[in-house]
């Protein structure tokens, strides 16, 4: 009875190009393991490809430095929207920017606004400067909107 079952089982699982189980009992198991390994490799390759595509698409979506379209309300975009303030002091250094020594003894680095130049002024002149922004904030220099000689 057992021999009949064995022959029936081996005949039912026989594949062309492969020896039957009674000649090569481990052949079918090895073949299944190879098939599983190939399927696993295909799945891993597919998952890795999908991850790479997702990363590429997400990187392309952030072109423009990750800037958003709407500006935050705490940082107005133009100097007209910001409150203008005045400070007086002595010009310490001039160039692409101006360094002002204020009456408090503080050095303030300031950028020139559009249409503002320091022509006609020299280092050591007492001036009154109208500016926008905040004094003493690291990373953002106040912008000079007007400059005049102090009285």
N, C-alpha and C. Protein backbone atom coordinates (compact mmCIF):
# COMPACT_ATOMS: atom_id res chain seq x y z
N UNK A 1 0.82 -1.19 0.00
CA UNK A 1 0.00 0.00 0.00
C UNK A 1 0.86 1.25 0.00
N UNK A 2 1.91 1.25 0.79
CA UNK A 2 2.78 2.41 0.85
C UNK A 2 3.49 2.62 -0.48
N UNK A 3 3.91 1.53 -1.15
CA UNK A 3 4.58 1.67 -2.43
C UNK A 3 3.67 2.28 -3.48
N UNK A 4 2.42 1.93 -3.47
CA UNK A 4 1.47 2.49 -4.43
C UNK A 4 1.29 3.98 -4.19
N UNK A 5 1.15 4.39 -2.94
CA UNK A 5 1.02 5.80 -2.61
C UNK A 5 2.26 6.57 -3.04
N UNK A 6 3.45 6.00 -2.80
CA UNK A 6 4.69 6.66 -3.16
C UNK A 6 4.79 6.84 -4.66
N UNK A 7 4.45 5.82 -5.43
CA UNK A 7 4.48 5.94 -6.88
C UNK A 7 3.45 6.94 -7.38
N UNK A 8 2.27 6.93 -6.78
CA UNK A 8 1.23 7.88 -7.18
C UNK A 8 1.66 9.31 -6.88
N UNK A 9 2.24 9.54 -5.70
CA UNK A 9 2.69 10.88 -5.31
C UNK A 9 3.83 11.35 -6.20
N UNK A 10 4.74 10.45 -6.54
CA UNK A 10 5.87 10.86 -7.37
C UNK A 10 5.43 11.13 -8.80
N UNK A 11 4.45 10.41 -9.29
CA UNK A 11 3.96 10.63 -10.64
C UNK A 11 3.16 11.92 -10.72
N UNK A 12 2.46 12.27 -9.66
CA UNK A 12 1.64 13.49 -9.67
C UNK A 12 2.50 14.75 -9.60
N UNK A 13 3.67 14.67 -9.00
CA UNK A 13 4.51 15.86 -8.85
C UNK A 13 5.65 15.90 -9.86
N UNK A 14 5.67 14.99 -10.80
CA UNK A 14 6.73 14.94 -11.79
C UNK A 14 6.60 16.13 -12.74
N UNK A 15 7.72 16.77 -13.03
CA UNK A 15 7.75 17.89 -13.97
C UNK A 15 8.68 17.54 -15.12
N UNK A 16 8.35 17.98 -16.30
CA UNK A 16 9.24 17.68 -17.44
C UNK A 16 10.61 18.30 -17.23
N UNK A 17 11.65 17.60 -17.62
CA UNK A 17 13.01 18.09 -17.48
C UNK A 17 13.56 17.89 -16.08
N UNK A 18 12.83 17.18 -15.26
CA UNK A 18 13.25 16.97 -13.87
C UNK A 18 13.07 15.50 -13.55
N UNK A 19 13.98 14.99 -12.77
CA UNK A 19 13.87 13.58 -12.41
C UNK A 19 12.74 13.40 -11.42
N UNK A 20 12.14 12.23 -11.41
CA UNK A 20 11.07 11.97 -10.45
C UNK A 20 11.64 11.84 -9.04
N UNK A 21 10.78 11.90 -8.05
CA UNK A 21 11.19 11.90 -6.66
C UNK A 21 11.87 10.61 -6.23
N UNK A 22 11.48 9.44 -6.81
CA UNK A 22 12.10 8.20 -6.35
C UNK A 22 13.55 8.10 -6.81
N UNK A 23 13.95 8.83 -7.84
CA UNK A 23 15.36 8.84 -8.25
C UNK A 23 16.13 9.96 -7.55
N UNK A 24 15.47 11.08 -7.36
CA UNK A 24 16.13 12.25 -6.76
C UNK A 24 15.19 12.84 -5.72
N UNK A 25 15.15 12.30 -4.52
CA UNK A 25 14.15 12.73 -3.55
C UNK A 25 14.26 14.19 -3.14
N UNK A 26 15.42 14.80 -3.20
CA UNK A 26 15.55 16.20 -2.78
C UNK A 26 15.40 17.19 -3.91
N UNK A 27 15.23 16.72 -5.14
CA UNK A 27 15.16 17.60 -6.31
C UNK A 27 13.99 18.56 -6.27
N UNK A 28 12.84 18.04 -5.87
CA UNK A 28 11.64 18.88 -5.84
C UNK A 28 11.77 19.96 -4.76
N UNK A 29 12.32 19.61 -3.63
CA UNK A 29 12.49 20.58 -2.54
C UNK A 29 13.47 21.66 -2.95
N UNK A 30 14.59 21.24 -3.59
CA UNK A 30 15.57 22.22 -4.04
C UNK A 30 14.97 23.16 -5.08
N UNK A 31 14.16 22.63 -5.96
CA UNK A 31 13.54 23.44 -7.00
C UNK A 31 12.58 24.46 -6.39
N UNK A 32 11.81 24.02 -5.41
CA UNK A 32 10.88 24.95 -4.75
C UNK A 32 11.64 26.06 -4.02
N UNK A 33 12.75 25.68 -3.37
CA UNK A 33 13.55 26.68 -2.67
C UNK A 33 14.13 27.70 -3.65
N UNK A 34 14.57 27.24 -4.82
CA UNK A 34 15.10 28.17 -5.83
C UNK A 34 14.01 29.12 -6.30
N UNK A 35 12.81 28.57 -6.53
CA UNK A 35 11.69 29.40 -6.96
C UNK A 35 11.34 30.44 -5.90
N UNK A 36 11.32 30.02 -4.64
CA UNK A 36 11.03 30.96 -3.56
C UNK A 36 12.10 32.03 -3.47
N UNK A 37 13.37 31.63 -3.61
CA UNK A 37 14.45 32.60 -3.57
C UNK A 37 14.34 33.61 -4.70
N UNK A 38 13.99 33.14 -5.89
CA UNK A 38 13.84 34.05 -7.03
C UNK A 38 12.68 35.01 -6.80
N UNK A 39 11.57 34.50 -6.28
CA UNK A 39 10.42 35.36 -6.01
C UNK A 39 10.77 36.40 -4.94
N UNK A 40 11.50 35.99 -3.93
CA UNK A 40 11.90 36.90 -2.86
C UNK A 40 12.82 37.99 -3.42
N UNK A 41 13.76 37.60 -4.27
CA UNK A 41 14.67 38.57 -4.89
C UNK A 41 13.88 39.56 -5.74
N UNK A 42 12.91 39.09 -6.50
CA UNK A 42 12.09 39.97 -7.33
C UNK A 42 11.30 40.95 -6.46
N UNK A 43 10.74 40.47 -5.37
CA UNK A 43 9.99 41.35 -4.46
C UNK A 43 10.89 42.42 -3.87
N UNK A 44 12.09 42.03 -3.44
CA UNK A 44 13.02 42.99 -2.85
C UNK A 44 13.42 44.03 -3.89
N UNK A 45 13.71 43.59 -5.13
CA UNK A 45 14.07 44.53 -6.19
C UNK A 45 12.91 45.49 -6.48
N UNK A 46 11.70 44.97 -6.50
CA UNK A 46 10.53 45.81 -6.75
C UNK A 46 10.35 46.84 -5.64
N UNK A 47 10.49 46.43 -4.41
CA UNK A 47 10.34 47.35 -3.28
C UNK A 47 11.42 48.43 -3.32
N UNK A 48 12.67 48.04 -3.58
CA UNK A 48 13.77 49.01 -3.67
C UNK A 48 13.54 50.00 -4.81
N UNK A 49 13.06 49.51 -5.94
CA UNK A 49 12.77 50.39 -7.07
C UNK A 49 11.67 51.39 -6.71
N UNK A 50 10.62 50.92 -6.05
CA UNK A 50 9.54 51.82 -5.65
C UNK A 50 10.01 52.87 -4.67
N UNK A 51 10.86 52.49 -3.73
CA UNK A 51 11.40 53.44 -2.75
C UNK A 51 12.24 54.50 -3.46
N UNK A 52 13.07 54.08 -4.42
CA UNK A 52 13.90 55.04 -5.15
C UNK A 52 13.05 56.00 -5.97
N UNK A 53 12.00 55.51 -6.59
CA UNK A 53 11.11 56.38 -7.37
C UNK A 53 10.42 57.38 -6.45
N UNK A 54 9.97 56.92 -5.28
CA UNK A 54 9.31 57.83 -4.34
C UNK A 54 10.27 58.92 -3.87
N UNK A 55 11.51 58.55 -3.57
CA UNK A 55 12.51 59.54 -3.14
C UNK A 55 12.81 60.54 -4.25
N UNK A 56 12.92 60.05 -5.47
CA UNK A 56 13.19 60.95 -6.60
C UNK A 56 12.04 61.92 -6.81
N UNK A 57 10.81 61.43 -6.73
CA UNK A 57 9.66 62.30 -6.92
C UNK A 57 9.50 63.31 -5.79
N UNK A 58 9.79 62.90 -4.57
CA UNK A 58 9.68 63.84 -3.46
C UNK A 58 10.78 64.89 -3.53
N UNK A 59 11.95 64.55 -4.03
CA UNK A 59 13.03 65.53 -4.18
C UNK A 59 12.69 66.52 -5.28
N UNK A 60 12.07 66.07 -6.35
CA UNK A 60 11.68 66.97 -7.43
C UNK A 60 10.56 67.91 -6.99
N UNK A 61 9.76 67.48 -6.07
CA UNK A 61 8.65 68.32 -5.60
C UNK A 61 9.10 69.47 -4.74
N UNK A 62 10.34 69.45 -4.28
CA UNK A 62 10.84 70.51 -3.41
C UNK A 62 11.82 71.43 -4.14
N UNK A 63 11.73 71.50 -5.44
CA UNK A 63 12.61 72.42 -6.17
C UNK A 63 12.25 73.84 -5.78
N UNK A 64 13.23 74.71 -5.70
CA UNK A 64 12.99 76.07 -5.26
C UNK A 64 13.39 76.24 -3.81
N UNK A 65 14.19 75.33 -3.29
CA UNK A 65 14.71 75.46 -1.93
C UNK A 65 13.69 75.16 -0.86
N UNK A 66 12.58 74.56 -1.19
CA UNK A 66 11.59 74.22 -0.19
C UNK A 66 10.77 75.41 0.28
N UNK A 67 10.82 76.52 -0.48
CA UNK A 67 10.06 77.71 -0.09
C UNK A 67 8.59 77.50 -0.39
N UNK A 68 7.76 78.00 0.48
CA UNK A 68 6.33 77.89 0.27
C UNK A 68 5.82 79.15 -0.41
N UNK A 69 4.65 79.05 -1.00
CA UNK A 69 4.10 80.17 -1.74
C UNK A 69 3.64 81.30 -0.82
N UNK A 70 3.06 80.98 0.33
CA UNK A 70 2.58 82.03 1.21
C UNK A 70 3.65 82.38 2.23
N UNK A 71 3.84 83.69 2.39
CA UNK A 71 4.86 84.16 3.34
C UNK A 71 4.27 84.19 4.73
N UNK A 72 5.13 84.02 5.70
CA UNK A 72 4.65 84.06 7.08
C UNK A 72 4.30 85.49 7.45
N UNK A 73 3.26 85.71 8.26
CA UNK A 73 2.84 87.06 8.59
C UNK A 73 3.86 87.82 9.43
N UNK A 74 4.79 87.12 10.09
CA UNK A 74 5.76 87.81 10.93
C UNK A 74 6.88 88.44 10.12
N UNK A 75 7.02 88.07 8.83
CA UNK A 75 8.08 88.62 8.00
C UNK A 75 7.49 89.23 6.74
N UNK A 76 7.21 90.52 6.75
CA UNK A 76 6.68 91.17 5.55
C UNK A 76 7.72 91.11 4.43
N UNK A 77 7.24 91.10 3.18
CA UNK A 77 8.14 90.91 2.06
C UNK A 77 8.78 92.20 1.57
N UNK A 78 8.15 93.32 1.71
CA UNK A 78 8.74 94.55 1.21
C UNK A 78 9.00 95.52 2.36
N UNK A 79 9.91 96.46 2.10
CA UNK A 79 10.28 97.40 3.15
C UNK A 79 9.16 98.41 3.43
N UNK A 80 8.24 98.59 2.48
CA UNK A 80 7.14 99.53 2.71
C UNK A 80 6.19 99.02 3.80
N UNK A 81 6.07 97.72 3.94
CA UNK A 81 5.16 97.15 4.92
C UNK A 81 5.75 97.18 6.32
N UNK A 82 7.07 97.31 6.44
CA UNK A 82 7.71 97.28 7.75
C UNK A 82 7.72 98.67 8.35
N UNK A 83 7.73 98.72 9.65
CA UNK A 83 7.76 99.99 10.36
C UNK A 83 9.16 100.60 10.28
N UNK A 84 9.21 101.88 9.92
CA UNK A 84 10.50 102.56 9.82
C UNK A 84 10.87 103.14 11.18
N UNK A 85 12.15 103.02 11.53
CA UNK A 85 12.65 103.54 12.80
C UNK A 85 13.88 104.39 12.51
N UNK A 86 14.26 105.21 13.48
CA UNK A 86 15.43 106.08 13.31
C UNK A 86 16.45 105.79 14.39
N UNK A 87 17.71 105.93 14.01
CA UNK A 87 18.82 105.79 14.95
C UNK A 87 19.91 106.77 14.51
N UNK A 88 20.60 107.31 15.45
CA UNK A 88 21.70 108.22 15.11
C UNK A 88 22.98 107.66 15.68
N UNK A 89 24.09 108.02 15.03
CA UNK A 89 25.39 107.54 15.46
C UNK A 89 26.48 108.04 14.53
N UNK A 90 27.63 107.40 14.63
CA UNK A 90 28.79 107.78 13.85
C UNK A 90 29.11 106.63 12.90
N UNK A 91 29.38 106.99 11.64
CA UNK A 91 29.75 105.97 10.65
C UNK A 91 31.12 105.44 11.01
N UNK A 92 31.19 104.13 11.24
CA UNK A 92 32.46 103.50 11.59
C UNK A 92 33.13 102.90 10.37
N UNK A 93 32.34 102.29 9.48
CA UNK A 93 32.90 101.64 8.30
C UNK A 93 31.87 101.69 7.18
N UNK A 94 32.34 101.88 5.95
CA UNK A 94 31.46 101.92 4.78
C UNK A 94 31.98 100.96 3.73
N UNK A 95 31.09 100.41 2.95
CA UNK A 95 31.44 99.47 1.88
C UNK A 95 30.15 98.95 1.28
N UNK A 96 30.06 97.63 1.13
CA UNK A 96 28.81 97.01 0.66
C UNK A 96 27.74 97.13 1.73
N UNK A 97 28.12 97.40 2.94
CA UNK A 97 27.23 97.59 4.08
C UNK A 97 27.80 98.73 4.92
N UNK A 98 27.04 99.19 5.88
CA UNK A 98 27.47 100.30 6.74
C UNK A 98 27.53 99.81 8.18
N UNK A 99 28.60 100.17 8.88
CA UNK A 99 28.71 99.86 10.31
C UNK A 99 28.56 101.18 11.04
N UNK A 100 27.57 101.24 11.93
CA UNK A 100 27.24 102.45 12.67
C UNK A 100 27.54 102.24 14.14
N UNK A 101 28.24 103.22 14.74
CA UNK A 101 28.47 103.21 16.18
C UNK A 101 27.38 104.09 16.79
N UNK A 102 26.45 103.47 17.51
CA UNK A 102 25.32 104.21 18.06
C UNK A 102 25.73 104.93 19.34
N UNK A 103 24.84 105.77 19.85
CA UNK A 103 25.09 106.51 21.08
C UNK A 103 25.23 105.59 22.28
N UNK A 104 24.72 104.36 22.19
CA UNK A 104 24.83 103.37 23.28
C UNK A 104 26.19 102.69 23.29
N UNK A 105 27.02 102.97 22.28
CA UNK A 105 28.30 102.30 22.18
C UNK A 105 28.22 100.96 21.47
N UNK A 106 27.09 100.67 20.84
CA UNK A 106 26.88 99.41 20.11
C UNK A 106 27.23 99.62 18.64
N UNK A 107 27.84 98.60 18.03
CA UNK A 107 28.09 98.61 16.59
C UNK A 107 26.93 97.90 15.91
N UNK A 108 26.37 98.56 14.91
CA UNK A 108 25.24 97.99 14.17
C UNK A 108 25.62 97.88 12.70
N UNK A 109 25.50 96.68 12.15
CA UNK A 109 25.75 96.45 10.73
C UNK A 109 24.42 96.62 10.01
N UNK A 110 24.43 97.45 8.95
CA UNK A 110 23.19 97.75 8.23
C UNK A 110 23.43 97.63 6.73
N UNK A 111 22.41 97.13 6.03
CA UNK A 111 22.47 97.02 4.57
C UNK A 111 21.81 98.26 3.96
N UNK A 112 22.24 98.60 2.74
CA UNK A 112 21.63 99.72 2.02
C UNK A 112 20.37 99.24 1.32
N UNK A 113 19.30 100.03 1.41
CA UNK A 113 18.07 99.72 0.69
C UNK A 113 18.17 100.19 -0.75
N UNK A 114 17.11 99.97 -1.52
CA UNK A 114 17.08 100.37 -2.92
C UNK A 114 17.15 101.90 -3.01
N UNK A 115 18.04 102.37 -3.86
CA UNK A 115 18.16 103.81 -4.09
C UNK A 115 18.89 104.56 -2.98
N UNK A 116 19.40 103.88 -1.98
CA UNK A 116 20.12 104.53 -0.88
C UNK A 116 21.60 104.32 -1.09
N UNK A 117 22.36 105.40 -1.00
CA UNK A 117 23.82 105.27 -1.09
C UNK A 117 24.45 106.16 -0.03
N UNK A 118 25.69 105.88 0.27
CA UNK A 118 26.41 106.66 1.27
C UNK A 118 27.33 107.68 0.61
N UNK A 119 27.05 108.01 -0.65
CA UNK A 119 27.85 109.03 -1.33
C UNK A 119 27.69 110.36 -0.60
N UNK A 120 28.78 111.06 -0.41
CA UNK A 120 28.74 112.34 0.30
C UNK A 120 28.99 112.19 1.79
N UNK A 121 29.11 110.95 2.27
CA UNK A 121 29.39 110.69 3.68
C UNK A 121 30.77 110.04 3.78
N UNK A 122 31.39 110.22 4.93
CA UNK A 122 32.70 109.61 5.16
C UNK A 122 32.69 108.96 6.54
N UNK A 123 33.65 108.09 6.76
CA UNK A 123 33.77 107.44 8.06
C UNK A 123 34.06 108.51 9.10
N UNK A 124 33.37 108.45 10.22
CA UNK A 124 33.51 109.43 11.29
C UNK A 124 32.42 110.50 11.28
N UNK A 125 31.59 110.53 10.21
CA UNK A 125 30.48 111.50 10.15
C UNK A 125 29.37 111.09 11.11
N UNK A 126 28.75 112.09 11.76
CA UNK A 126 27.57 111.84 12.58
C UNK A 126 26.36 111.86 11.66
N UNK A 127 25.57 110.80 11.72
CA UNK A 127 24.42 110.66 10.81
C UNK A 127 23.18 110.23 11.57
N UNK A 128 22.05 110.47 10.92
CA UNK A 128 20.77 109.95 11.40
C UNK A 128 20.26 109.02 10.31
N UNK A 129 19.95 107.79 10.69
CA UNK A 129 19.56 106.78 9.71
C UNK A 129 18.13 106.33 9.98
N UNK A 130 17.35 106.29 8.92
CA UNK A 130 16.01 105.71 8.97
C UNK A 130 16.14 104.29 8.40
N UNK A 131 15.61 103.31 9.12
CA UNK A 131 15.80 101.91 8.72
C UNK A 131 14.55 101.09 9.00
N UNK A 132 14.53 99.90 8.40
CA UNK A 132 13.48 98.92 8.70
C UNK A 132 14.17 97.66 9.21
N UNK A 133 13.48 96.91 10.01
CA UNK A 133 14.06 95.69 10.59
C UNK A 133 14.37 95.92 12.06
N UNK A 134 15.16 95.04 12.61
CA UNK A 134 15.50 95.09 14.03
C UNK A 134 16.99 95.23 14.21
N UNK A 135 17.40 96.06 15.13
CA UNK A 135 18.81 96.21 15.46
C UNK A 135 19.22 95.06 16.39
N UNK A 136 20.45 94.59 16.20
CA UNK A 136 21.00 93.58 17.10
C UNK A 136 20.50 92.17 16.90
N UNK A 137 19.74 91.92 15.85
CA UNK A 137 19.26 90.56 15.58
C UNK A 137 20.28 89.89 14.65
N UNK A 138 20.86 88.79 15.12
CA UNK A 138 21.87 88.10 14.34
C UNK A 138 21.23 87.38 13.17
N UNK A 139 21.86 87.46 12.02
CA UNK A 139 21.36 86.77 10.84
C UNK A 139 20.52 87.64 9.93
N UNK A 140 19.99 88.75 10.41
CA UNK A 140 19.23 89.67 9.55
C UNK A 140 19.63 91.09 9.89
N UNK A 141 20.20 91.76 8.91
CA UNK A 141 20.63 93.14 9.12
C UNK A 141 19.48 94.09 8.81
N UNK A 142 19.39 95.20 9.56
CA UNK A 142 18.40 96.22 9.23
C UNK A 142 18.75 96.84 7.87
N UNK A 143 17.73 97.33 7.18
CA UNK A 143 17.93 97.92 5.85
C UNK A 143 17.72 99.43 5.96
N UNK A 144 18.73 100.16 5.48
CA UNK A 144 18.67 101.64 5.52
C UNK A 144 17.75 102.12 4.42
N UNK A 145 16.75 102.94 4.80
CA UNK A 145 15.85 103.53 3.81
C UNK A 145 16.20 104.98 3.54
N UNK A 146 16.85 105.66 4.50
CA UNK A 146 17.28 107.05 4.29
C UNK A 146 18.44 107.32 5.25
N UNK A 147 19.33 108.20 4.79
CA UNK A 147 20.47 108.59 5.62
C UNK A 147 20.68 110.09 5.48
N UNK A 148 20.90 110.77 6.59
CA UNK A 148 21.14 112.22 6.56
C UNK A 148 22.14 112.59 7.64
N UNK A 149 22.78 113.77 7.47
CA UNK A 149 23.74 114.23 8.47
C UNK A 149 22.98 114.64 9.72
N UNK A 150 23.56 114.31 10.86
CA UNK A 150 22.93 114.65 12.15
C UNK A 150 23.05 116.14 12.39
N UNK A 151 22.06 116.72 13.08
CA UNK A 151 22.06 118.16 13.36
C UNK A 151 22.81 118.47 14.61
